[in-house]
Amino acid sequence: MSGLIDLHTHSTASDGSLSPRELVQYAKNKGAAAIALTDHDTLEGLDEALAAGREMDLEVIPGVEISAQHNGGTMHLLGYYMNPRDKGLKKELQILQEARKDRNPKIIEKLRQMGLPIQFDQVTALAKGQIGRPHIAQSLLRSGVVSSLEEAFQKYLTKGAPAYIEKFRFSPQKSIHLILEAGGIPILAHPKTLKSPSIRELMKLVKDLKAAGLKGLEVFYPDHSPDQTRTYMAMAQELDLLCTGGSDFHGNNKERVDLLVGFGDLKVPYKIIEDLKAIKNNNKKV
């Protein structure tokens, strides 16, 4: 099979603006060969997305994106082909969802202490699933505090910004283990956000993650420069890890990033899904 795919997307089950069904319909309309739904710390949108994929004859891969503990930048681990109803994974993800619920009021209170016009009920009205920082950013945009969602994050909500609040995360090793135990394939998302001080440090980290069960790197990503893409690809090849990619599509909640193409030049080939399926089939034989 040929065509473009997107292995990193979000729906209203976490912080995207399209419902799982709407996301699948949008992907179908854009001519996608396949997509993976990888909502933050939840599997709740997968049944709807998979059903829509069957109805619309579009391949939909069950996925998740788990936030893991990391000093410096941020670490996210993508999981593909887990059992969408795995009770063990769902139970553990519930812990992360509760951590998000605890964090959101604290962020809003910080913003209010800064004199910004924001109310918790305004934010909850914008969310259909989990409440997250994108919904807080939307509220700031609607009240005229910022002129874009990107400005809201950079000025107030990103790591290191004045209203940022840390939340509980699992270790990378536990996150990888949870994905593996649910029958999934763990991939390190967007290595750029790790903010490793050197390629040598990044290589050491990825080697450690591979020893814990990591199967690949998200090489193709809108925010990766051409040089970074080449570096991550070479690293994946040297460590015998799969290269994956996706847009990190959030709909209207992430400006300028479109499904399949990112900022316009992203191209992720279907061959990557064939590689994922080969790993999945090998896992079954073990």
C-alpha atoms as a PDB file:
ATOM      1  CA  MET A   1       0.000   0.000   0.000  1.00  0.00           C
ATOM      2  CA  SER A   2       1.132   3.581  -0.628  1.00  0.00           C
ATOM      3  CA  GLY A   3       0.084   7.062   0.440  1.00  0.00           C
ATOM      4  CA  LEU A   4       0.766   9.365   3.361  1.00  0.00           C
ATOM      5  CA  ILE A   5       0.059   8.521   6.976  1.00  0.00           C
ATOM      6  CA  ASP A   6      -0.032  10.406  10.277  1.00  0.00           C
ATOM      7  CA  LEU A   7       1.001   8.553  13.419  1.00  0.00           C
ATOM      8  CA  HIS A   8       0.560  11.419  15.896  1.00  0.00           C
ATOM      9  CA  THR A   9      -2.911  12.954  16.246  1.00  0.00           C
ATOM     10  CA  HIS A  10      -5.195  14.141  19.041  1.00  0.00           C
ATOM     11  CA  SER A  11      -8.961  14.334  19.491  1.00  0.00           C
ATOM     12  CA  THR A  12     -11.395  15.814  21.991  1.00  0.00           C
ATOM     13  CA  ALA A  13     -10.686  12.780  24.196  1.00  0.00           C
ATOM     14  CA  SER A  14      -7.616  14.797  25.234  1.00  0.00           C
ATOM     15  CA  ASP A  15      -6.779  18.225  23.822  1.00  0.00           C
ATOM     16  CA  GLY A  16      -7.715  18.135  20.135  1.00  0.00           C
ATOM     17  CA  SER A  17     -10.599  20.132  18.670  1.00  0.00           C
ATOM     18  CA  LEU A  18     -12.118  17.307  16.565  1.00  0.00           C
ATOM     19  CA  SER A  19     -13.976  14.330  17.995  1.00  0.00           C
ATOM     20  CA  PRO A  20     -12.412  10.937  17.176  1.00  0.00           C
ATOM     21  CA  ARG A  21     -15.017  10.406  14.461  1.00  0.00           C
ATOM     22  CA  GLU A  22     -14.505  13.906  13.032  1.00  0.00           C
ATOM     23  CA  LEU A  23     -10.755  13.318  13.011  1.00  0.00           C
ATOM     24  CA  VAL A  24     -11.163  10.114  11.000  1.00  0.00           C
ATOM     25  CA  GLN A  25     -13.542  11.870   8.594  1.00  0.00           C
ATOM     26  CA  TYR A  26     -11.042  14.735   8.158  1.00  0.00           C
ATOM     27  CA  ALA A  27      -8.240  12.248   7.473  1.00  0.00           C
ATOM     28  CA  LYS A  28     -10.426  10.420   4.941  1.00  0.00           C
ATOM     29  CA  ASN A  29     -11.255  13.695   3.187  1.00  0.00           C
ATOM     30  CA  LYS A  30      -7.553  14.580   2.990  1.00  0.00           C
ATOM     31  CA  GLY A  31      -6.725  11.262   1.358  1.00  0.00           C
ATOM     32  CA  ALA A  32      -4.782   9.728   4.247  1.00  0.00           C
ATOM     33  CA  ALA A  33      -3.751   6.105   3.847  1.00  0.00           C
ATOM     34  CA  ALA A  34      -3.855   5.628   7.631  1.00  0.00           C
ATOM     35  CA  ILE A  35      -3.737   7.517  10.927  1.00  0.00           C
ATOM     36  CA  ALA A  36      -3.046   6.710  14.559  1.00  0.00           C
ATOM     37  CA  LEU A  37      -5.023   8.351  17.355  1.00  0.00           C
ATOM     38  CA  THR A  38      -2.553   9.119  20.164  1.00  0.00           C
ATOM     39  CA  ASP A  39      -4.408  11.106  22.795  1.00  0.00           C
ATOM     40  CA  HIS A  40      -2.604  12.203  25.965  1.00  0.00           C
ATOM     41  CA  ASP A  41      -2.711   9.627  28.758  1.00  0.00           C
ATOM     42  CA  THR A  42      -6.051   8.161  27.655  1.00  0.00           C
ATOM     43  CA  LEU A  43      -7.551   5.415  25.469  1.00  0.00           C
ATOM     44  CA  GLU A  44     -11.069   6.842  25.679  1.00  0.00           C
ATOM     45  CA  GLY A  45     -11.349   7.971  22.048  1.00  0.00           C
ATOM     46  CA  LEU A  46     -10.096   4.760  20.478  1.00  0.00           C
ATOM     47  CA  ASP A  47     -13.344   2.782  20.218  1.00  0.00           C
ATOM     48  CA  GLU A  48     -15.043   5.667  18.398  1.00  0.00           C
ATOM     49  CA  ALA A  49     -12.064   6.229  16.093  1.00  0.00           C
ATOM     50  CA  LEU A  50     -11.687   2.543  15.235  1.00  0.00           C
ATOM     51  CA  ALA A  51     -15.415   2.206  14.531  1.00  0.00           C
ATOM     52  CA  ALA A  52     -15.324   5.290  12.292  1.00  0.00           C
ATOM     53  CA  GLY A  53     -12.306   3.881  10.467  1.00  0.00           C
ATOM     54  CA  ARG A  54     -14.146   0.648   9.713  1.00  0.00           C
ATOM     55  CA  GLU A  55     -17.200   2.576   8.544  1.00  0.00           C
ATOM     56  CA  MET A  56     -15.191   4.935   6.303  1.00  0.00           C
ATOM     57  CA  ASP A  57     -12.693   2.312   5.110  1.00  0.00           C
ATOM     58  CA  LEU A  58      -9.700   4.123   6.588  1.00  0.00           C
ATOM     59  CA  GLU A  59      -6.992   2.308   8.545  1.00  0.00           C
ATOM     60  CA  VAL A  60      -6.929   3.607  12.119  1.00  0.00           C
ATOM     61  CA  ILE A  61      -4.206   2.483  14.517  1.00  0.00           C
ATOM     62  CA  PRO A  62      -4.935   2.496  18.257  1.00  0.00           C
ATOM     63  CA  GLY A  63      -2.389   4.655  20.044  1.00  0.00           C
ATOM     64  CA  VAL A  64      -1.593   6.722  23.115  1.00  0.00           C
ATOM     65  CA  GLU A  65       0.879   9.421  24.158  1.00  0.00           C
ATOM     66  CA  ILE A  66       2.208   9.114  27.704  1.00  0.00           C
ATOM     67  CA  SER A  67       4.031  11.946  29.483  1.00  0.00           C
ATOM     68  CA  ALA A  68       7.129  10.575  31.227  1.00  0.00           C
ATOM     69  CA  GLN A  69       9.417  12.019  33.877  1.00  0.00           C
ATOM     70  CA  HIS A  70      12.470  13.781  32.437  1.00  0.00           C
ATOM     71  CA  ASN A  71      14.786  16.452  33.760  1.00  0.00           C
ATOM     72  CA  GLY A  72      15.424  19.365  31.417  1.00  0.00           C
ATOM     73  CA  GLY A  73      12.925  19.207  28.585  1.00  0.00           C
ATOM     74  CA  THR A  74       9.820  17.079  28.211  1.00  0.00           C
ATOM     75  CA  MET A  75       9.545  13.409  27.301  1.00  0.00           C
ATOM     76  CA  HIS A  76       6.548  11.811  25.653  1.00  0.00           C
ATOM     77  CA  LEU A  77       6.254   8.157  24.700  1.00  0.00           C
ATOM     78  CA  LEU A  78       3.933   7.050  21.928  1.00  0.00           C
ATOM     79  CA  GLY A  79       2.383   3.600  21.992  1.00  0.00           C
ATOM     80  CA  TYR A  80       0.888   1.828  18.955  1.00  0.00           C
ATOM     81  CA  TYR A  81      -1.330  -1.232  18.606  1.00  0.00           C
ATOM     82  CA  MET A  82      -2.145  -1.656  22.303  1.00  0.00           C
ATOM     83  CA  ASN A  83      -5.392  -3.330  23.207  1.00  0.00           C
ATOM     84  CA  PRO A  84      -7.761  -0.306  23.480  1.00  0.00           C
ATOM     85  CA  ARG A  85      -9.574  -1.973  26.374  1.00  0.00           C
ATOM     86  CA  ASP A  86      -6.541  -3.193  28.316  1.00  0.00           C
ATOM     87  CA  LYS A  87      -7.631  -2.885  31.947  1.00  0.00           C
ATOM     88  CA  GLY A  88      -4.126  -2.620  33.361  1.00  0.00           C
ATOM     89  CA  LEU A  89      -3.111   0.246  31.083  1.00  0.00           C
ATOM     90  CA  LYS A  90      -6.418   2.044  31.615  1.00  0.00           C
ATOM     91  CA  LYS A  91      -6.026   1.810  35.388  1.00  0.00           C
ATOM     92  CA  GLU A  92      -2.511   3.275  35.286  1.00  0.00           C
ATOM     93  CA  LEU A  93      -3.495   6.028  32.854  1.00  0.00           C
ATOM     94  CA  GLN A  94      -6.241   7.026  35.277  1.00  0.00           C
ATOM     95  CA  ILE A  95      -3.485   8.055  37.704  1.00  0.00           C
ATOM     96  CA  LEU A  96      -2.062  10.429  35.074  1.00  0.00           C
ATOM     97  CA  GLN A  97      -5.517  11.795  34.280  1.00  0.00           C
ATOM     98  CA  GLU A  98      -6.063  12.588  37.949  1.00  0.00           C
ATOM     99  CA  ALA A  99      -2.699  14.393  37.990  1.00  0.00           C
ATOM    100  CA  ARG A 100      -3.933  16.582  35.114  1.00  0.00           C
ATOM    101  CA  LYS A 101      -7.149  17.341  36.995  1.00  0.00           C
ATOM    102  CA  ASP A 102      -5.149  18.389  40.044  1.00  0.00           C
ATOM    103  CA  ARG A 103      -2.862  20.624  37.995  1.00  0.00           C
ATOM    104  CA  ASN A 104      -5.415  22.595  35.954  1.00  0.00           C
ATOM    105  CA  PRO A 105      -6.982  24.615  38.838  1.00  0.00           C
ATOM    106  CA  LYS A 106      -3.486  25.456  40.071  1.00  0.00           C
ATOM    107  CA  ILE A 107      -2.503  26.869  36.676  1.00  0.00           C
ATOM    108  CA  ILE A 108      -5.703  28.900  36.508  1.00  0.00           C
ATOM    109  CA  GLU A 109      -5.180  30.216  40.032  1.00  0.00           C
ATOM    110  CA  LYS A 110      -1.656  31.320  39.095  1.00  0.00           C
ATOM    111  CA  LEU A 111      -3.031  33.186  36.089  1.00  0.00           C
ATOM    112  CA  ARG A 112      -5.685  34.829  38.261  1.00  0.00           C
ATOM    113  CA  GLN A 113      -3.009  35.923  40.738  1.00  0.00           C
ATOM    114  CA  MET A 114      -1.276  37.584  37.805  1.00  0.00           C
ATOM    115  CA  GLY A 115      -4.453  39.613  37.256  1.00  0.00           C
ATOM    116  CA  LEU A 116      -5.623  37.778  34.130  1.00  0.00           C
ATOM    117  CA  PRO A 117      -9.376  37.418  33.455  1.00  0.00           C
ATOM    118  CA  ILE A 118      -9.857  33.650  33.524  1.00  0.00           C
ATOM    119  CA  GLN A 119     -12.356  31.417  35.315  1.00  0.00           C
ATOM    120  CA  PHE A 120     -12.284  27.637  35.739  1.00  0.00           C
ATOM    121  CA  ASP A 121     -15.820  27.216  34.388  1.00  0.00           C
ATOM    122  CA  GLN A 122     -14.840  29.133  31.238  1.00  0.00           C
ATOM    123  CA  VAL A 123     -12.076  26.610  30.625  1.00  0.00           C
ATOM    124  CA  THR A 124     -14.207  23.531  31.334  1.00  0.00           C
ATOM    125  CA  ALA A 125     -16.807  24.793  28.854  1.00  0.00           C
ATOM    126  CA  LEU A 126     -14.181  24.555  26.102  1.00  0.00           C
ATOM    127  CA  ALA A 127     -13.312  20.899  26.755  1.00  0.00           C
ATOM    128  CA  LYS A 128     -15.252  17.825  25.675  1.00  0.00           C
ATOM    129  CA  GLY A 129     -12.819  15.319  27.202  1.00  0.00           C
ATOM    130  CA  GLN A 130      -9.863  15.920  29.469  1.00  0.00           C
ATOM    131  CA  ILE A 131      -9.060  19.537  30.313  1.00  0.00           C
ATOM    132  CA  GLY A 132      -5.536  20.524  29.361  1.00  0.00           C
ATOM    133  CA  ARG A 133      -3.318  23.530  28.809  1.00  0.00           C
ATOM    134  CA  PRO A 134      -4.641  24.052  25.249  1.00  0.00           C
ATOM    135  CA  HIS A 135      -8.088  24.751  26.723  1.00  0.00           C
ATOM    136  CA  ILE A 136      -6.565  27.278  29.139  1.00  0.00           C
ATOM    137  CA  ALA A 137      -4.759  28.846  26.184  1.00  0.00           C
ATOM    138  CA  GLN A 138      -8.068  29.058  24.299  1.00  0.00           C
ATOM    139  CA  SER A 139      -9.651  30.860  27.234  1.00  0.00           C
ATOM    140  CA  LEU A 140      -6.790  33.384  27.318  1.00  0.00           C
ATOM    141  CA  LEU A 141      -7.182  33.935  23.586  1.00  0.00           C
ATOM    142  CA  ARG A 142     -10.945  34.449  23.821  1.00  0.00           C
ATOM    143  CA  SER A 143     -10.529  36.986  26.627  1.00  0.00           C
ATOM    144  CA  GLY A 144      -8.053  38.991  24.550  1.00  0.00           C
ATOM    145  CA  VAL A 145      -5.089  38.394  26.855  1.00  0.00           C
ATOM    146  CA  VAL A 146      -3.066  36.947  23.956  1.00  0.00           C
ATOM    147  CA  SER A 147      -3.334  37.144  20.188  1.00  0.00           C
ATOM    148  CA  SER A 148      -2.617  33.463  19.501  1.00  0.00           C
ATOM    149  CA  LEU A 149      -2.522  30.088  21.207  1.00  0.00           C
ATOM    150  CA  GLU A 150       1.211  29.967  20.585  1.00  0.00           C
ATOM    151  CA  GLU A 151       1.641  33.243  22.470  1.00  0.00           C
ATOM    152  CA  ALA A 152      -0.400  31.868  25.381  1.00  0.00           C
ATOM    153  CA  PHE A 153       1.931  28.910  25.715  1.00  0.00           C
ATOM    154  CA  GLN A 154       5.154  30.835  25.296  1.00  0.00           C
ATOM    155  CA  LYS A 155       4.140  33.635  27.643  1.00  0.00           C
ATOM    156  CA  TYR A 156       2.308  31.704  30.366  1.00  0.00           C
ATOM    157  CA  LEU A 157       1.932  27.935  29.959  1.00  0.00           C
ATOM    158  CA  THR A 158       5.051  26.225  28.622  1.00  0.00           C
ATOM    159  CA  LYS A 159       7.631  24.666  30.902  1.00  0.00           C
ATOM    160  CA  GLY A 160       9.526  27.487  32.625  1.00  0.00           C
ATOM    161  CA  ALA A 161       6.754  30.080  32.028  1.00  0.00           C
ATOM    162  CA  PRO A 162       5.210  31.863  35.055  1.00  0.00           C
ATOM    163  CA  ALA A 163       1.954  29.883  35.201  1.00  0.00           C
ATOM    164  CA  TYR A 164       3.462  26.466  34.469  1.00  0.00           C
ATOM    165  CA  ILE A 165       2.831  23.773  37.079  1.00  0.00           C
ATOM    166  CA  GLU A 166       4.590  20.407  37.107  1.00  0.00           C
ATOM    167  CA  LYS A 167       2.495  17.255  37.371  1.00  0.00           C
ATOM    168  CA  PHE A 168       3.092  13.662  38.328  1.00  0.00           C
ATOM    169  CA  ARG A 169       4.528  11.474  35.576  1.00  0.00           C
ATOM    170  CA  PHE A 170       5.641   7.870  35.396  1.00  0.00           C
ATOM    171  CA  SER A 171       9.281   7.057  34.780  1.00  0.00           C
ATOM    172  CA  PRO A 172      10.219   6.405  31.136  1.00  0.00           C
ATOM    173  CA  GLN A 173      10.880   2.767  31.992  1.00  0.00           C
ATOM    174  CA  LYS A 174       7.428   2.294  33.540  1.00  0.00           C
ATOM    175  CA  SER A 175       5.759   4.090  30.617  1.00  0.00           C
ATOM    176  CA  ILE A 176       7.492   1.761  28.154  1.00  0.00           C
ATOM    177  CA  HIS A 177       6.588  -1.268  30.275  1.00  0.00           C
ATOM    178  CA  LEU A 178       2.907  -0.267  30.368  1.00  0.00           C
ATOM    179  CA  ILE A 179       2.760  -0.001  26.574  1.00  0.00           C
ATOM    180  CA  LEU A 180       4.522  -3.347  26.121  1.00  0.00           C
ATOM    181  CA  GLU A 181       2.288  -5.077  28.674  1.00  0.00           C
ATOM    182  CA  ALA A 182      -0.792  -3.883  26.752  1.00  0.00           C
ATOM    183  CA  GLY A 183       0.587  -5.435  23.562  1.00  0.00           C
ATOM    184  CA  GLY A 184       1.837  -2.126  22.177  1.00  0.00           C
ATOM    185  CA  ILE A 185       4.951  -0.772  20.481  1.00  0.00           C
ATOM    186  CA  PRO A 186       6.678   2.072  22.394  1.00  0.00           C
ATOM    187  CA  ILE A 187       8.208   4.957  20.428  1.00  0.00           C
ATOM    188  CA  LEU A 188      10.051   8.033  21.729  1.00  0.00           C
ATOM    189  CA  ALA A 189       8.117  11.100  20.542  1.00  0.00           C
ATOM    190  CA  HIS A 190       9.750  14.260  19.113  1.00  0.00           C
ATOM    191  CA  PRO A 191      13.320  13.899  20.523  1.00  0.00           C
ATOM    192  CA  LYS A 192      13.854  17.643  20.120  1.00  0.00           C
ATOM    193  CA  THR A 193      11.721  18.397  23.181  1.00  0.00           C
ATOM    194  CA  LEU A 194      14.080  16.413  25.419  1.00  0.00           C
ATOM    195  CA  LYS A 195      16.517  19.343  25.106  1.00  0.00           C
ATOM    196  CA  SER A 196      19.511  17.043  25.511  1.00  0.00           C
ATOM    197  CA  PRO A 197      22.729  19.065  25.913  1.00  0.00           C
ATOM    198  CA  SER A 198      24.537  17.030  23.241  1.00  0.00           C
ATOM    199  CA  ILE A 199      24.055  14.277  20.689  1.00  0.00           C
ATOM    200  CA  ARG A 200      26.204  12.050  22.899  1.00  0.00           C
ATOM    201  CA  GLU A 201      23.840  12.576  25.855  1.00  0.00           C
ATOM    202  CA  LEU A 202      20.827  11.933  23.663  1.00  0.00           C
ATOM    203  CA  MET A 203      22.388   8.761  22.307  1.00  0.00           C
ATOM    204  CA  LYS A 204      23.044   7.512  25.844  1.00  0.00           C
ATOM    205  CA  LEU A 205      19.455   8.252  26.865  1.00  0.00           C
ATOM    206  CA  VAL A 206      17.999   6.488  23.833  1.00  0.00           C
ATOM    207  CA  LYS A 207      20.248   3.474  24.429  1.00  0.00           C
ATOM    208  CA  ASP A 208      18.930   3.272  27.989  1.00  0.00           C
ATOM    209  CA  LEU A 209      15.353   3.490  26.729  1.00  0.00           C
ATOM    210  CA  LYS A 210      16.020   0.778  24.148  1.00  0.00           C
ATOM    211  CA  ALA A 211      17.289  -1.461  26.951  1.00  0.00           C
ATOM    212  CA  ALA A 212      13.918  -0.866  28.656  1.00  0.00           C
ATOM    213  CA  GLY A 213      12.041  -1.938  25.510  1.00  0.00           C
ATOM    214  CA  LEU A 214      11.849   1.140  23.257  1.00  0.00           C
ATOM    215  CA  LYS A 215      11.259   0.193  19.621  1.00  0.00           C
ATOM    216  CA  GLY A 216      11.622   3.450  17.702  1.00  0.00           C
ATOM    217  CA  LEU A 217      12.060   7.221  17.392  1.00  0.00           C
ATOM    218  CA  GLU A 218       9.621   9.781  16.024  1.00  0.00           C
ATOM    219  CA  VAL A 219      12.031  11.135  13.422  1.00  0.00           C
ATOM    220  CA  PHE A 220       9.603  12.959  11.128  1.00  0.00           C
ATOM    221  CA  TYR A 221       7.956  15.806  13.046  1.00  0.00           C
ATOM    222  CA  PRO A 222       6.987  19.397  12.097  1.00  0.00           C
ATOM    223  CA  ASP A 223       9.274  21.088  14.651  1.00  0.00           C
ATOM    224  CA  HIS A 224      12.348  19.076  13.675  1.00  0.00           C
ATOM    225  CA  SER A 225      14.767  20.955  11.439  1.00  0.00           C
ATOM    226  CA  PRO A 226      16.241  19.107   8.428  1.00  0.00           C
ATOM    227  CA  ASP A 227      19.503  18.675  10.363  1.00  0.00           C
ATOM    228  CA  GLN A 228      17.680  17.271  13.387  1.00  0.00           C
ATOM    229  CA  THR A 229      15.692  14.890  11.190  1.00  0.00           C
ATOM    230  CA  ARG A 230      18.927  13.573   9.667  1.00  0.00           C
ATOM    231  CA  THR A 231      20.521  13.244  13.121  1.00  0.00           C
ATOM    232  CA  TYR A 232      17.596  11.332  14.593  1.00  0.00           C
ATOM    233  CA  MET A 233      17.359   9.101  11.526  1.00  0.00           C
ATOM    234  CA  ALA A 234      21.049   8.233  11.758  1.00  0.00           C
ATOM    235  CA  MET A 235      20.656   7.548  15.478  1.00  0.00           C
ATOM    236  CA  ALA A 236      17.685   5.250  14.878  1.00  0.00           C
ATOM    237  CA  GLN A 237      19.585   3.366  12.189  1.00  0.00           C
ATOM    238  CA  GLU A 238      22.678   2.979  14.375  1.00  0.00           C
ATOM    239  CA  LEU A 239      20.603   1.639  17.275  1.00  0.00           C
ATOM    240  CA  ASP A 240      18.360  -0.510  15.050  1.00  0.00           C
ATOM    241  CA  LEU A 241      15.236   1.430  16.000  1.00  0.00           C
ATOM    242  CA  LEU A 242      12.228   2.132  13.827  1.00  0.00           C
ATOM    243  CA  CYS A 243      11.785   5.658  12.355  1.00  0.00           C
ATOM    244  CA  THR A 244       8.208   6.935  12.716  1.00  0.00           C
ATOM    245  CA  GLY A 245       6.537  10.288  12.211  1.00  0.00           C
ATOM    246  CA  GLY A 246       3.440  12.404  12.572  1.00  0.00           C
ATOM    247  CA  SER A 247       2.103  15.944  12.650  1.00  0.00           C
ATOM    248  CA  ASP A 248       0.979  16.127  16.309  1.00  0.00           C
ATOM    249  CA  PHE A 249      -2.329  17.375  14.916  1.00  0.00           C
ATOM    250  CA  HIS A 250      -4.660  19.037  17.437  1.00  0.00           C
ATOM    251  CA  GLY A 251      -7.063  20.709  14.990  1.00  0.00           C
ATOM    252  CA  ASN A 252      -7.800  24.316  15.926  1.00  0.00           C
ATOM    253  CA  ASN A 253      -5.963  23.850  19.231  1.00  0.00           C
ATOM    254  CA  LYS A 254      -2.566  23.858  17.544  1.00  0.00           C
ATOM    255  CA  GLU A 255      -2.296  26.629  15.019  1.00  0.00           C
ATOM    256  CA  ARG A 256      -0.585  26.157  11.668  1.00  0.00           C
ATOM    257  CA  VAL A 257      -0.178  22.364  12.051  1.00  0.00           C
ATOM    258  CA  ASP A 258      -2.311  20.350   9.616  1.00  0.00           C
ATOM    259  CA  LEU A 259      -2.947  16.635   9.437  1.00  0.00           C
ATOM    260  CA  LEU A 260      -0.483  14.654   7.273  1.00  0.00           C
ATOM    261  CA  VAL A 261       1.637  17.683   6.307  1.00  0.00           C
ATOM    262  CA  GLY A 262       2.454  19.518   9.551  1.00  0.00           C
ATOM    263  CA  PHE A 263       3.629  22.983   8.510  1.00  0.00           C
ATOM    264  CA  GLY A 264       3.314  21.939   4.863  1.00  0.00           C
ATOM    265  CA  ASP A 265       6.303  19.756   4.055  1.00  0.00           C
ATOM    266  CA  LEU A 266       5.851  16.706   6.288  1.00  0.00           C
ATOM    267  CA  LYS A 267       5.604  13.405   4.401  1.00  0.00           C
ATOM    268  CA  VAL A 268       5.350  10.150   6.336  1.00  0.00           C
ATOM    269  CA  PRO A 269       5.190   7.070   4.063  1.00  0.00           C
ATOM    270  CA  TYR A 270       2.979   4.023   4.587  1.00  0.00           C
ATOM    271  CA  LYS A 271       6.099   1.831   4.695  1.00  0.00           C
ATOM    272  CA  ILE A 272       6.445   2.817   8.383  1.00  0.00           C
ATOM    273  CA  ILE A 273       3.156   1.080   9.209  1.00  0.00           C
ATOM    274  CA  GLU A 274       4.430  -2.047   7.488  1.00  0.00           C
ATOM    275  CA  ASP A 275       7.501  -1.887   9.751  1.00  0.00           C
ATOM    276  CA  LEU A 276       5.275  -1.433  12.825  1.00  0.00           C
ATOM    277  CA  LYS A 277       3.162  -4.416  11.791  1.00  0.00           C
ATOM    278  CA  ALA A 278       6.307  -6.530  11.400  1.00  0.00           C
ATOM    279  CA  ILE A 279       7.265  -5.705  15.018  1.00  0.00           C
ATOM    280  CA  LYS A 280       3.701  -6.415  16.154  1.00  0.00           C
ATOM    281  CA  ASN A 281       3.674  -9.814  14.409  1.00  0.00           C
ATOM    282  CA  ASN A 282       7.087 -10.725  15.855  1.00  0.00           C
ATOM    283  CA  ASN A 283       5.803  -9.857  19.331  1.00  0.00           C
ATOM    284  CA  LYS A 284       2.914 -12.287  18.849  1.00  0.00           C
ATOM    285  CA  LYS A 285       5.333 -15.095  18.046  1.00  0.00           C
ATOM    286  CA  VAL A 286       7.368 -14.585  21.219  1.00  0.00           C
END
